[in-house]
Amino acid sequence: MNYLEIKKKLEAAKQELEIKMHGQAASESEKETLQKRIKNYEYMIELTDMNHFERGNIIC
């Protein structure tokens, strides 16, 4: 997989969770769990960007 494919899949998964979170059937505890999962996807997207653009810290 290349960078764009990975980022597209992560963004789609995040968007799906956002749709579920704003749905009327979600309880408060479910919304809290979904929000945590969304934050995790945002972090994974950030790491993917950093890796692609080689902005991450290099530890030797």
PDB file of N, CA and C in Angstrom:
ATOM      1  N   MET A   1       0.840  -1.192   0.000  1.00  0.00           N
ATOM      2  CA  MET A   1       0.000   0.000   0.000  1.00  0.00           C
ATOM      3  C   MET A   1       0.879   1.246   0.000  1.00  0.00           C
ATOM      4  N   ASN A   2       0.412   2.236  -0.670  1.00  0.00           N
ATOM      5  CA  ASN A   2       1.159   3.476  -0.638  1.00  0.00           C
ATOM      6  C   ASN A   2       0.492   4.476   0.305  1.00  0.00           C
ATOM      7  N   TYR A   3       1.141   5.575   0.465  1.00  0.00           N
ATOM      8  CA  TYR A   3       0.691   6.608   1.405  1.00  0.00           C
ATOM      9  C   TYR A   3      -0.757   7.025   1.168  1.00  0.00           C
ATOM     10  N   LEU A   4      -1.111   7.319  -0.064  1.00  0.00           N
ATOM     11  CA  LEU A   4      -2.461   7.812  -0.351  1.00  0.00           C
ATOM     12  C   LEU A   4      -3.530   6.762  -0.062  1.00  0.00           C
ATOM     13  N   GLU A   5      -3.252   5.499  -0.348  1.00  0.00           N
ATOM     14  CA  GLU A   5      -4.208   4.431  -0.058  1.00  0.00           C
ATOM     15  C   GLU A   5      -4.431   4.295   1.439  1.00  0.00           C
ATOM     16  N   ILE A   6      -3.353   4.311   2.186  1.00  0.00           N
ATOM     17  CA  ILE A   6      -3.450   4.180   3.644  1.00  0.00           C
ATOM     18  C   ILE A   6      -4.212   5.354   4.233  1.00  0.00           C
ATOM     19  N   LYS A   7      -3.843   6.562   3.812  1.00  0.00           N
ATOM     20  CA  LYS A   7      -4.504   7.751   4.351  1.00  0.00           C
ATOM     21  C   LYS A   7      -5.993   7.754   4.001  1.00  0.00           C
ATOM     22  N   LYS A   8      -6.320   7.328   2.791  1.00  0.00           N
ATOM     23  CA  LYS A   8      -7.725   7.287   2.368  1.00  0.00           C
ATOM     24  C   LYS A   8      -8.522   6.318   3.245  1.00  0.00           C
ATOM     25  N   LYS A   9      -7.944   5.149   3.532  1.00  0.00           N
ATOM     26  CA  LYS A   9      -8.639   4.167   4.372  1.00  0.00           C
ATOM     27  C   LYS A   9      -8.810   4.674   5.798  1.00  0.00           C
ATOM     28  N   LEU A  10      -7.786   5.325   6.333  1.00  0.00           N
ATOM     29  CA  LEU A  10      -7.882   5.869   7.690  1.00  0.00           C
ATOM     30  C   LEU A  10      -8.931   6.977   7.760  1.00  0.00           C
ATOM     31  N   GLU A  11      -8.940   7.852   6.768  1.00  0.00           N
ATOM     32  CA  GLU A  11      -9.923   8.937   6.729  1.00  0.00           C
ATOM     33  C   GLU A  11     -11.348   8.381   6.604  1.00  0.00           C
ATOM     34  N   ALA A  12     -11.528   7.339   5.807  1.00  0.00           N
ATOM     35  CA  ALA A  12     -12.854   6.738   5.639  1.00  0.00           C
ATOM     36  C   ALA A  12     -13.329   6.107   6.939  1.00  0.00           C
ATOM     37  N   ALA A  13     -12.428   5.428   7.641  1.00  0.00           N
ATOM     38  CA  ALA A  13     -12.794   4.810   8.919  1.00  0.00           C
ATOM     39  C   ALA A  13     -13.154   5.877   9.940  1.00  0.00           C
ATOM     40  N   LYS A  14     -12.399   6.954   9.963  1.00  0.00           N
ATOM     41  CA  LYS A  14     -12.682   8.063  10.886  1.00  0.00           C
ATOM     42  C   LYS A  14     -14.044   8.688  10.571  1.00  0.00           C
ATOM     43  N   GLN A  15     -14.314   8.895   9.292  1.00  0.00           N
ATOM     44  CA  GLN A  15     -15.590   9.493   8.896  1.00  0.00           C
ATOM     45  C   GLN A  15     -16.768   8.593   9.275  1.00  0.00           C
ATOM     46  N   GLU A  16     -16.592   7.295   9.126  1.00  0.00           N
ATOM     47  CA  GLU A  16     -17.649   6.349   9.493  1.00  0.00           C
ATOM     48  C   GLU A  16     -17.967   6.455  10.992  1.00  0.00           C
ATOM     49  N   LEU A  17     -16.925   6.574  11.796  1.00  0.00           N
ATOM     50  CA  LEU A  17     -17.129   6.722  13.237  1.00  0.00           C
ATOM     51  C   LEU A  17     -17.817   8.044  13.571  1.00  0.00           C
ATOM     52  N   GLU A  18     -17.454   9.104  12.857  1.00  0.00           N
ATOM     53  CA  GLU A  18     -18.095  10.402  13.090  1.00  0.00           C
ATOM     54  C   GLU A  18     -19.583  10.343  12.753  1.00  0.00           C
ATOM     55  N   ILE A  19     -19.926   9.629  11.708  1.00  0.00           N
ATOM     56  CA  ILE A  19     -21.335   9.480  11.329  1.00  0.00           C
ATOM     57  C   ILE A  19     -22.084   8.714  12.416  1.00  0.00           C
ATOM     58  N   LYS A  20     -21.472   7.645  12.913  1.00  0.00           N
ATOM     59  CA  LYS A  20     -22.099   6.870  13.986  1.00  0.00           C
ATOM     60  C   LYS A  20     -22.277   7.716  15.241  1.00  0.00           C
ATOM     61  N   MET A  21     -21.277   8.549  15.550  1.00  0.00           N
ATOM     62  CA  MET A  21     -21.325   9.357  16.759  1.00  0.00           C
ATOM     63  C   MET A  21     -22.475  10.366  16.715  1.00  0.00           C
ATOM     64  N   HIS A  22     -22.740  10.895  15.530  1.00  0.00           N
ATOM     65  CA  HIS A  22     -23.797  11.891  15.403  1.00  0.00           C
ATOM     66  C   HIS A  22     -25.167  11.276  15.169  1.00  0.00           C
ATOM     67  N   GLY A  23     -25.215   9.946  15.103  1.00  0.00           N
ATOM     68  CA  GLY A  23     -26.489   9.261  14.935  1.00  0.00           C
ATOM     69  C   GLY A  23     -27.335   9.368  16.199  1.00  0.00           C
ATOM     70  N   GLN A  24     -28.599   9.300  16.053  1.00  0.00           N
ATOM     71  CA  GLN A  24     -29.513   9.467  17.176  1.00  0.00           C
ATOM     72  C   GLN A  24     -29.506   8.259  18.111  1.00  0.00           C
ATOM     73  N   ALA A  25     -29.110   7.101  17.633  1.00  0.00           N
ATOM     74  CA  ALA A  25     -29.183   5.884  18.435  1.00  0.00           C
ATOM     75  C   ALA A  25     -28.019   5.729  19.417  1.00  0.00           C
ATOM     76  N   ALA A  26     -26.988   6.541  19.295  1.00  0.00           N
ATOM     77  CA  ALA A  26     -25.808   6.403  20.150  1.00  0.00           C
ATOM     78  C   ALA A  26     -26.068   6.988  21.542  1.00  0.00           C
ATOM     79  N   SER A  27     -25.756   6.200  22.569  1.00  0.00           N
ATOM     80  CA  SER A  27     -25.882   6.692  23.943  1.00  0.00           C
ATOM     81  C   SER A  27     -24.650   7.533  24.273  1.00  0.00           C
ATOM     82  N   GLU A  28     -24.669   8.164  25.437  1.00  0.00           N
ATOM     83  CA  GLU A  28     -23.546   9.011  25.847  1.00  0.00           C
ATOM     84  C   GLU A  28     -22.260   8.197  25.999  1.00  0.00           C
ATOM     85  N   SER A  29     -22.352   7.013  26.566  1.00  0.00           N
ATOM     86  CA  SER A  29     -21.153   6.186  26.732  1.00  0.00           C
ATOM     87  C   SER A  29     -20.620   5.726  25.375  1.00  0.00           C
ATOM     88  N   GLU A  30     -21.532   5.411  24.453  1.00  0.00           N
ATOM     89  CA  GLU A  30     -21.111   5.031  23.103  1.00  0.00           C
ATOM     90  C   GLU A  30     -20.444   6.208  22.393  1.00  0.00           C
ATOM     91  N   LYS A  31     -20.998   7.396  22.577  1.00  0.00           N
ATOM     92  CA  LYS A  31     -20.409   8.587  21.970  1.00  0.00           C
ATOM     93  C   LYS A  31     -19.014   8.849  22.517  1.00  0.00           C
ATOM     94  N   GLU A  32     -18.825   8.632  23.795  1.00  0.00           N
ATOM     95  CA  GLU A  32     -17.511   8.831  24.406  1.00  0.00           C
ATOM     96  C   GLU A  32     -16.500   7.833  23.828  1.00  0.00           C
ATOM     97  N   THR A  33     -16.914   6.581  23.694  1.00  0.00           N
ATOM     98  CA  THR A  33     -16.054   5.559  23.108  1.00  0.00           C
ATOM     99  C   THR A  33     -15.726   5.886  21.655  1.00  0.00           C
ATOM    100  N   LEU A  34     -16.724   6.315  20.904  1.00  0.00           N
ATOM    101  CA  LEU A  34     -16.506   6.681  19.509  1.00  0.00           C
ATOM    102  C   LEU A  34     -15.553   7.868  19.397  1.00  0.00           C
ATOM    103  N   GLN A  35     -15.687   8.834  20.306  1.00  0.00           N
ATOM    104  CA  GLN A  35     -14.801   9.997  20.274  1.00  0.00           C
ATOM    105  C   GLN A  35     -13.349   9.582  20.517  1.00  0.00           C
ATOM    106  N   LYS A  36     -13.138   8.637  21.422  1.00  0.00           N
ATOM    107  CA  LYS A  36     -11.784   8.138  21.674  1.00  0.00           C
ATOM    108  C   LYS A  36     -11.229   7.434  20.445  1.00  0.00           C
ATOM    109  N   ARG A  37     -12.069   6.660  19.786  1.00  0.00           N
ATOM    110  CA  ARG A  37     -11.626   5.961  18.573  1.00  0.00           C
ATOM    111  C   ARG A  37     -11.314   6.952  17.451  1.00  0.00           C
ATOM    112  N   ILE A  38     -12.097   8.011  17.357  1.00  0.00           N
ATOM    113  CA  ILE A  38     -11.843   9.053  16.357  1.00  0.00           C
ATOM    114  C   ILE A  38     -10.489   9.709  16.622  1.00  0.00           C
ATOM    115  N   LYS A  39     -10.214  10.002  17.886  1.00  0.00           N
ATOM    116  CA  LYS A  39      -8.916  10.592  18.255  1.00  0.00           C
ATOM    117  C   LYS A  39      -7.776   9.652  17.871  1.00  0.00           C
ATOM    118  N   ASN A  40      -7.977   8.352  18.074  1.00  0.00           N
ATOM    119  CA  ASN A  40      -6.952   7.375  17.685  1.00  0.00           C
ATOM    120  C   ASN A  40      -6.696   7.418  16.174  1.00  0.00           C
ATOM    121  N   TYR A  41      -7.765   7.502  15.390  1.00  0.00           N
ATOM    122  CA  TYR A  41      -7.596   7.583  13.942  1.00  0.00           C
ATOM    123  C   TYR A  41      -6.890   8.875  13.538  1.00  0.00           C
ATOM    124  N   GLU A  42      -7.217   9.976  14.207  1.00  0.00           N
ATOM    125  CA  GLU A  42      -6.534  11.235  13.920  1.00  0.00           C
ATOM    126  C   GLU A  42      -5.041  11.102  14.187  1.00  0.00           C
ATOM    127  N   TYR A  43      -4.696  10.409  15.269  1.00  0.00           N
ATOM    128  CA  TYR A  43      -3.294  10.189  15.603  1.00  0.00           C
ATOM    129  C   TYR A  43      -2.616   9.311  14.551  1.00  0.00           C
ATOM    130  N   MET A  44      -3.291   8.257  14.113  1.00  0.00           N
ATOM    131  CA  MET A  44      -2.726   7.383  13.086  1.00  0.00           C
ATOM    132  C   MET A  44      -2.524   8.140  11.777  1.00  0.00           C
ATOM    133  N   ILE A  45      -3.446   9.013  11.431  1.00  0.00           N
ATOM    134  CA  ILE A  45      -3.315   9.828  10.219  1.00  0.00           C
ATOM    135  C   ILE A  45      -2.115  10.762  10.346  1.00  0.00           C
ATOM    136  N   GLU A  46      -1.958  11.362  11.512  1.00  0.00           N
ATOM    137  CA  GLU A  46      -0.815  12.240  11.750  1.00  0.00           C
ATOM    138  C   GLU A  46       0.502  11.471  11.621  1.00  0.00           C
ATOM    139  N   LEU A  47       0.560  10.274  12.195  1.00  0.00           N
ATOM    140  CA  LEU A  47       1.768   9.454  12.089  1.00  0.00           C
ATOM    141  C   LEU A  47       2.047   9.050  10.652  1.00  0.00           C
ATOM    142  N   THR A  48       0.994   8.738   9.907  1.00  0.00           N
ATOM    143  CA  THR A  48       1.141   8.381   8.501  1.00  0.00           C
ATOM    144  C   THR A  48       1.730   9.554   7.715  1.00  0.00           C
ATOM    145  N   ASP A  49       1.222  10.758   7.985  1.00  0.00           N
ATOM    146  CA  ASP A  49       1.759  11.950   7.333  1.00  0.00           C
ATOM    147  C   ASP A  49       3.225  12.161   7.696  1.00  0.00           C
ATOM    148  N   MET A  50       3.530  12.023   8.972  1.00  0.00           N
ATOM    149  CA  MET A  50       4.910  12.221   9.423  1.00  0.00           C
ATOM    150  C   MET A  50       5.842  11.212   8.767  1.00  0.00           C
ATOM    151  N   ASN A  51       5.416   9.983   8.687  1.00  0.00           N
ATOM    152  CA  ASN A  51       6.235   8.943   8.073  1.00  0.00           C
ATOM    153  C   ASN A  51       6.443   9.228   6.583  1.00  0.00           C
ATOM    154  N   HIS A  52       5.376   9.627   5.901  1.00  0.00           N
ATOM    155  CA  HIS A  52       5.464   9.881   4.472  1.00  0.00           C
ATOM    156  C   HIS A  52       6.394  11.052   4.163  1.00  0.00           C
ATOM    157  N   PHE A  53       6.295  12.104   4.946  1.00  0.00           N
ATOM    158  CA  PHE A  53       7.097  13.296   4.692  1.00  0.00           C
ATOM    159  C   PHE A  53       8.405  13.295   5.485  1.00  0.00           C
ATOM    160  N   GLU A  54       8.716  12.158   6.140  1.00  0.00           N
ATOM    161  CA  GLU A  54       9.949  11.965   6.893  1.00  0.00           C
ATOM    162  C   GLU A  54      10.173  13.063   7.922  1.00  0.00           C
ATOM    163  N   ARG A  55       9.108  13.410   8.635  1.00  0.00           N
ATOM    164  CA  ARG A  55       9.217  14.441   9.657  1.00  0.00           C
ATOM    165  C   ARG A  55       9.322  13.847  11.052  1.00  0.00           C
ATOM    166  N   GLY A  56       9.234  12.548  11.157  1.00  0.00           N
ATOM    167  CA  GLY A  56       9.320  11.906  12.471  1.00  0.00           C
ATOM    168  C   GLY A  56      10.733  11.967  13.020  1.00  0.00           C
ATOM    169  N   ASN A  57      10.848  11.739  14.317  1.00  0.00           N
ATOM    170  CA  ASN A  57      12.159  11.716  14.948  1.00  0.00           C
ATOM    171  C   ASN A  57      12.893  10.447  14.557  1.00  0.00           C
ATOM    172  N   ILE A  58      14.147  10.581  14.230  1.00  0.00           N
ATOM    173  CA  ILE A  58      14.976   9.422  13.906  1.00  0.00           C
ATOM    174  C   ILE A  58      15.829   9.118  15.125  1.00  0.00           C
ATOM    175  N   ILE A  59      15.651   7.930  15.669  1.00  0.00           N
ATOM    176  CA  ILE A  59      16.394   7.520  16.854  1.00  0.00           C
ATOM    177  C   ILE A  59      17.448   6.507  16.420  1.00  0.00           C
ATOM    178  N   CYS A  60      18.693   6.820  16.715  1.00  0.00           N
ATOM    179  CA  CYS A  60      19.784   5.922  16.319  1.00  0.00           C
ATOM    180  C   CYS A  60      20.318   5.176  17.512  1.00  0.00           C
TER     181      CYS A  60
END
